[in-house]
Amino acid sequence: MQYRTFWLIILGLCTALSQEVAVAAGTGATHESSSPNSAATQRKCDICLEEKPTSDFIALSCNKEHMFCKQCLRDFVDNALKSKDVLELKCPLCRALFNAADVRAITAGQPEKEREFLKLKQEQEAVVQQGPNDMSAETKKALGIEPCPKCHVNIQKAQGCWWMLCSKCKYPFCWYCKTYSPYKRVPRGKGYGIIHPHPFNKCAYAPKPQGKMPVKKKSPAKVAQQKKKVALQKKVTLQKKVATKQQLKQRQNIRQQQLKQQQKIKQQQLIKARQQLKARNNRTAVKKVVKKVAKKPATA
């Protein structure tokens, strides 16, 4: 019984303390909200990391605490609509998909964007649910779905250039004519460049640009400035060439002098060796004569 009363007293103290803390927090919040210049009216966006008034924020349907500024969310939706990949529109915090209410709140005053979002979402969800094999040729063409020329797996092109790489068989090909087009890494300058054996401008099935490309006319001052730059670059390159030639000549002269010195040293060494051989030969001859004389008997 004593232990039970002890724990009941502790629980009562804890509840009293929690109530006091809640009351203090409520009074602080009301005090902050009452002041117009307080920090409660400002909020930090988790995308752009800028502090903005709370009126510029939108709460997503996944969680009321997941609030972001209108500008970031509008840019987010615009980029998804441009790339035609609305299924990637997810909450940055919990990765939950945007629904129609979220897009309606973000694109307030722009109903055409909401309609485009709903249309793309329905089409892409149909692709995910049914699968591209069950779709008609018209819907495949409208959604940019075509089979791989090697393994015949359906591939969807939402954005990017003409060069494609199958994620299953790793077959590189041209999106328009389906020809095999691997790329090569070639050293270019300080880094590497990419060369395609089947470039885009040589593909007969690639869409041609409509009309002529506008050519910007340069002002005479810019033309003169560019000419000066070219002349200076030529001058610098010539100076570098002359300097390199002089350095090469100096190195060749130094090398020739070193070779001459080495030859002199070798000749001196040969002369010394010959002299030593001669001296040895002379000594051996003298020794032989002395031995012969010593062997002869002495005559009276």
Protein backbone atom coordinates (compact mmCIF):
# COMPACT_ATOMS: atom_id res chain seq x y z
CA MET A 1 0.00 0.00 0.00
CA GLN A 2 2.85 2.37 0.81
CA TYR A 3 4.41 1.87 -2.64
CA ARG A 4 1.03 2.45 -4.28
CA THR A 5 0.42 5.74 -2.47
CA PHE A 6 3.98 6.84 -3.30
CA TRP A 7 3.48 6.31 -7.05
CA LEU A 8 0.06 7.99 -6.97
CA ILE A 9 1.62 11.09 -5.40
CA ILE A 10 4.33 11.18 -8.12
CA LEU A 11 1.73 10.85 -10.88
CA GLY A 12 -0.32 13.68 -9.40
CA LEU A 13 2.75 15.95 -9.26
CA CYS A 14 3.63 15.14 -12.91
CA THR A 15 0.10 15.96 -14.14
CA ALA A 16 0.11 19.23 -12.23
CA LEU A 17 3.47 20.23 -13.71
CA SER A 18 2.34 19.35 -17.26
CA GLN A 19 -0.81 21.47 -16.84
CA GLU A 20 1.26 24.42 -15.62
CA VAL A 21 3.64 24.10 -18.60
CA ALA A 22 0.71 23.93 -21.05
CA VAL A 23 -0.88 27.04 -19.51
CA ALA A 24 2.43 28.91 -19.69
CA ALA A 25 2.91 27.88 -23.35
CA GLY A 26 -0.65 28.98 -24.19
CA THR A 27 -0.16 32.37 -22.60
CA GLY A 28 3.17 32.79 -24.41
CA ALA A 29 1.58 31.89 -27.76
CA THR A 30 -1.28 34.33 -27.28
CA HIS A 31 1.16 37.02 -26.28
CA GLU A 32 3.31 36.44 -29.37
CA SER A 33 0.35 36.36 -31.73
CA SER A 34 -1.01 39.58 -30.27
CA SER A 35 2.13 41.51 -31.22
CA PRO A 36 2.18 42.21 -34.98
CA ASN A 37 5.99 42.32 -35.29
CA SER A 38 6.58 39.10 -33.34
CA ALA A 39 8.36 36.00 -34.71
CA ALA A 40 5.09 33.99 -34.71
CA THR A 41 3.92 35.82 -37.89
CA GLN A 42 7.12 34.72 -39.68
CA ARG A 43 7.92 31.16 -40.77
CA LYS A 44 10.93 29.54 -42.42
CA CYS A 45 10.36 27.66 -45.66
CA ASP A 46 12.11 24.26 -45.75
CA ILE A 47 12.75 24.54 -49.52
CA CYS A 48 14.19 28.06 -50.02
CA LEU A 49 15.17 28.48 -46.33
CA GLU A 50 13.79 32.03 -46.28
CA GLU A 51 11.62 33.57 -43.58
CA LYS A 52 8.27 34.77 -44.93
CA PRO A 53 4.89 35.69 -43.40
CA THR A 54 2.57 32.78 -42.60
CA SER A 55 -0.02 34.11 -45.07
CA ASP A 56 2.39 33.17 -47.91
CA PHE A 57 2.44 29.51 -46.86
CA ILE A 58 0.29 26.57 -48.01
CA ALA A 59 -0.33 23.47 -45.87
CA LEU A 60 -0.38 20.21 -47.81
CA SER A 61 -3.08 17.60 -47.36
CA CYS A 62 -0.59 14.93 -46.23
CA ASN A 63 0.09 16.80 -42.97
CA LYS A 64 -1.03 20.24 -41.76
CA GLU A 65 2.44 20.88 -40.35
CA HIS A 66 4.03 20.39 -43.78
CA MET A 67 3.84 24.03 -44.92
CA PHE A 68 5.88 25.64 -47.70
CA CYS A 69 5.84 29.05 -49.34
CA LYS A 70 3.63 29.59 -52.40
CA GLN A 71 6.48 30.55 -54.72
CA CYS A 72 8.45 27.34 -54.13
CA LEU A 73 5.37 25.15 -54.56
CA ARG A 74 4.36 26.98 -57.76
CA ASP A 75 7.84 26.51 -59.22
CA PHE A 76 7.64 22.87 -58.19
CA VAL A 77 4.34 22.37 -60.04
CA ASP A 78 5.47 24.36 -63.12
CA ASN A 79 8.61 22.23 -63.51
CA ALA A 80 6.58 19.02 -63.18
CA LEU A 81 4.08 20.20 -65.82
CA LYS A 82 6.89 21.19 -68.19
CA SER A 83 8.58 17.79 -67.85
CA LYS A 84 5.14 16.05 -67.97
CA ASP A 85 6.04 13.93 -64.96
CA VAL A 86 3.33 14.79 -62.42
CA LEU A 87 3.72 11.51 -60.53
CA GLU A 88 6.99 12.91 -59.17
CA LEU A 89 5.09 15.73 -57.42
CA LYS A 90 5.65 14.65 -53.83
CA CYS A 91 5.88 16.33 -50.45
CA PRO A 92 9.55 17.16 -49.76
CA LEU A 93 9.23 15.92 -46.17
CA CYS A 94 7.09 12.75 -46.23
CA ARG A 95 7.21 12.00 -50.03
CA ALA A 96 3.40 11.78 -50.25
CA LEU A 97 1.86 12.44 -53.69
CA PHE A 98 0.10 15.73 -54.36
CA ASN A 99 -3.64 15.45 -54.86
CA ALA A 100 -6.08 17.72 -56.72
CA ALA A 101 -6.76 19.84 -53.61
CA ASP A 102 -3.05 20.58 -53.18
CA VAL A 103 -2.66 21.60 -56.82
CA ARG A 104 -5.86 23.71 -56.65
CA ALA A 105 -4.50 25.59 -53.64
CA ILE A 106 -1.08 26.07 -55.27
CA THR A 107 -2.40 27.14 -58.71
CA ALA A 108 -5.07 29.49 -57.36
CA GLY A 109 -6.35 31.69 -60.19
CA GLN A 110 -4.86 29.39 -62.88
CA PRO A 111 -7.52 26.74 -63.69
CA GLU A 112 -5.78 25.67 -66.92
CA LYS A 113 -2.81 24.35 -64.93
CA GLU A 114 -5.12 22.39 -62.65
CA ARG A 115 -6.84 20.83 -65.68
CA GLU A 116 -3.48 19.95 -67.25
CA PHE A 117 -2.30 18.38 -63.98
CA LEU A 118 -5.46 16.25 -63.66
CA LYS A 119 -5.26 15.13 -67.29
CA LEU A 120 -1.59 14.11 -67.05
CA LYS A 121 -2.17 12.38 -63.72
CA GLN A 122 -5.03 10.29 -65.12
CA GLU A 123 -2.99 9.29 -68.18
CA GLN A 124 0.10 8.36 -66.20
CA GLU A 125 -1.86 6.47 -63.56
CA ALA A 126 -3.54 4.53 -66.35
CA VAL A 127 -0.11 3.63 -67.72
CA VAL A 128 1.03 2.45 -64.30
CA GLN A 129 -2.13 0.43 -63.59
CA GLN A 130 -2.83 -1.10 -67.02
CA GLY A 131 0.71 -1.32 -68.32
CA PRO A 132 1.91 -0.08 -71.73
CA ASN A 133 1.30 -3.47 -73.37
CA ASP A 134 -2.50 -3.11 -72.89
CA MET A 135 -2.64 0.39 -74.42
CA SER A 136 -3.44 1.34 -77.99
CA ALA A 137 -0.87 2.67 -80.44
CA GLU A 138 -2.41 6.17 -80.36
CA THR A 139 -2.12 6.50 -76.57
CA LYS A 140 1.44 5.15 -76.70
CA LYS A 141 2.39 7.72 -79.31
CA ALA A 142 0.71 10.51 -77.34
CA LEU A 143 2.56 9.53 -74.15
CA GLY A 144 5.88 9.00 -75.96
CA ILE A 145 6.14 5.22 -75.42
CA GLU A 146 8.09 3.10 -77.90
CA PRO A 147 9.73 -0.36 -77.68
CA CYS A 148 13.47 -0.95 -77.38
CA PRO A 149 14.86 -2.14 -80.75
CA LYS A 150 16.82 -4.94 -79.04
CA CYS A 151 14.80 -6.36 -76.12
CA HIS A 152 11.41 -4.79 -77.11
CA VAL A 153 10.74 -3.39 -73.63
CA ASN A 154 8.50 -0.31 -73.66
CA ILE A 155 10.36 2.96 -73.00
CA GLN A 156 8.79 6.35 -72.30
CA LYS A 157 10.64 9.51 -73.29
CA ALA A 158 9.44 12.41 -71.13
CA GLN A 159 12.37 14.80 -71.58
CA GLY A 160 16.00 14.98 -72.66
CA CYS A 161 17.89 14.60 -75.94
CA TRP A 162 17.49 12.09 -78.80
CA TRP A 163 20.06 9.64 -77.40
CA MET A 164 18.47 6.82 -75.38
CA LEU A 165 19.84 3.96 -73.27
CA CYS A 166 17.63 0.97 -72.44
CA SER A 167 17.59 0.41 -68.68
CA LYS A 168 17.15 -3.36 -69.14
CA CYS A 169 19.61 -4.42 -71.89
CA LYS A 170 21.78 -1.22 -71.90
CA TYR A 171 21.33 -0.81 -75.66
CA PRO A 172 22.15 2.75 -76.90
CA PHE A 173 20.03 3.93 -79.81
CA CYS A 174 18.57 6.97 -81.56
CA TRP A 175 15.01 7.72 -80.48
CA TYR A 176 13.89 8.73 -83.97
CA CYS A 177 15.44 6.12 -86.33
CA LYS A 178 16.27 3.38 -83.74
CA THR A 179 19.85 2.93 -85.03
CA TYR A 180 22.67 1.74 -82.77
CA SER A 181 24.55 4.83 -81.57
CA PRO A 182 27.16 4.33 -78.84
CA TYR A 183 29.17 7.31 -77.69
CA LYS A 184 32.93 7.58 -77.19
CA ARG A 185 34.87 9.59 -74.64
CA VAL A 186 37.58 11.60 -76.34
CA PRO A 187 40.17 13.83 -74.58
CA ARG A 188 39.29 17.45 -75.30
CA GLY A 189 41.24 20.25 -73.66
CA LYS A 190 41.66 19.60 -69.95
CA GLY A 191 38.73 17.18 -69.76
CA TYR A 192 36.82 14.75 -71.95
CA GLY A 193 34.33 15.24 -74.75
CA ILE A 194 31.65 12.94 -76.17
CA ILE A 195 31.45 12.01 -79.85
CA HIS A 196 28.36 10.29 -81.28
CA PRO A 197 28.79 8.25 -84.48
CA HIS A 198 25.15 9.07 -85.31
CA PRO A 199 24.63 12.77 -84.47
CA PHE A 200 21.21 14.38 -84.28
CA ASN A 201 21.65 16.61 -87.34
CA LYS A 202 22.38 13.58 -89.57
CA CYS A 203 19.25 11.63 -88.60
CA ALA A 204 16.70 11.68 -91.47
CA TYR A 205 13.78 11.00 -89.09
CA ALA A 206 14.60 13.76 -86.61
CA PRO A 207 12.23 16.75 -86.51
CA LYS A 208 13.64 19.66 -88.47
CA PRO A 209 13.57 23.17 -87.00
CA GLN A 210 10.83 25.34 -88.47
CA GLY A 211 12.14 28.46 -90.20
CA LYS A 212 15.60 29.91 -89.97
CA MET A 213 17.37 30.42 -86.71
CA PRO A 214 17.63 34.11 -85.81
CA VAL A 215 21.14 35.44 -86.17
CA LYS A 216 22.15 38.14 -83.76
CA LYS A 217 24.04 41.00 -85.36
CA LYS A 218 27.09 42.08 -83.43
CA SER A 219 27.87 45.72 -82.96
CA PRO A 220 31.06 47.10 -84.63
CA ALA A 221 32.58 47.79 -81.21
CA LYS A 222 32.19 44.11 -80.24
CA VAL A 223 33.60 42.97 -83.60
CA ALA A 224 36.65 45.23 -83.14
CA GLN A 225 37.08 43.94 -79.58
CA GLN A 226 36.97 40.35 -80.78
CA LYS A 227 39.53 41.08 -83.50
CA LYS A 228 41.84 42.60 -80.90
CA LYS A 229 41.41 39.52 -78.72
CA VAL A 230 42.25 37.23 -81.65
CA ALA A 231 45.33 39.31 -82.55
CA LEU A 232 46.52 39.22 -78.93
CA GLN A 233 46.01 35.47 -78.76
CA LYS A 234 48.03 34.99 -81.96
CA LYS A 235 50.78 37.20 -80.59
CA VAL A 236 50.89 35.28 -77.34
CA THR A 237 51.00 31.94 -79.17
CA LEU A 238 53.88 33.16 -81.36
CA GLN A 239 55.78 34.35 -78.30
CA LYS A 240 55.24 31.00 -76.64
CA LYS A 241 56.51 29.19 -79.74
CA VAL A 242 59.64 31.37 -79.89
CA ALA A 243 60.26 30.85 -76.18
CA THR A 244 59.88 27.07 -76.54
CA LYS A 245 62.32 27.04 -79.49
CA GLN A 246 64.88 29.00 -77.49
CA GLN A 247 64.49 26.66 -74.54
CA LEU A 248 64.97 23.66 -76.82
CA LYS A 249 68.15 25.18 -78.30
CA GLN A 250 69.51 25.89 -74.83
CA ARG A 251 68.80 22.35 -73.73
CA GLN A 252 70.47 20.95 -76.86
CA ASN A 253 73.59 23.10 -76.28
CA ILE A 254 73.78 22.03 -72.65
CA ARG A 255 73.42 18.39 -73.69
CA GLN A 256 76.17 18.71 -76.30
CA GLN A 257 78.55 20.28 -73.76
CA GLN A 258 77.82 17.48 -71.31
CA LEU A 259 78.52 14.87 -74.00
CA LYS A 260 81.82 16.56 -74.92
CA GLN A 261 82.92 16.60 -71.29
CA GLN A 262 82.03 12.95 -70.91
CA GLN A 263 84.05 12.10 -74.04
CA LYS A 264 87.07 14.03 -72.69
CA ILE A 265 86.87 12.21 -69.38
CA LYS A 266 86.69 8.86 -71.20
CA GLN A 267 89.73 9.71 -73.34
CA GLN A 268 91.74 10.71 -70.27
CA GLN A 269 90.76 7.47 -68.58
CA LEU A 270 91.88 5.47 -71.64
CA ILE A 271 95.25 7.27 -71.73
CA LYS A 272 95.84 6.55 -68.06
CA ALA A 273 94.92 2.90 -68.56
CA ARG A 274 97.40 2.59 -71.46
CA GLN A 275 100.16 4.20 -69.44
CA GLN A 276 99.50 1.82 -66.58
CA LEU A 277 99.66 -1.14 -68.97
CA LYS A 278 102.97 0.07 -70.40
CA ALA A 279 104.43 0.48 -66.94
CA ARG A 280 103.33 -3.01 -66.00
CA ASN A 281 104.81 -4.47 -69.19
CA ASN A 282 108.10 -2.68 -68.54
CA ARG A 283 108.29 -4.02 -65.01
CA THR A 284 107.61 -7.57 -66.13
CA ALA A 285 110.36 -7.27 -68.80
CA VAL A 286 112.86 -5.99 -66.25
CA LYS A 287 112.02 -8.83 -63.89
CA LYS A 288 112.53 -11.42 -66.65
CA VAL A 289 115.98 -9.98 -67.49
CA VAL A 290 116.99 -9.99 -63.83
CA LYS A 291 115.92 -13.64 -63.51
CA LYS A 292 117.92 -14.63 -66.56
CA VAL A 293 121.01 -12.87 -65.25
CA ALA A 294 120.63 -14.50 -61.89
CA LYS A 295 120.38 -17.96 -63.44
CA LYS A 296 123.59 -17.59 -65.45
CA PRO A 297 126.77 -18.93 -63.64
CA ALA A 298 129.36 -16.42 -62.69
CA THR A 299 132.57 -16.55 -64.84
CA ALA A 300 136.08 -15.76 -63.45
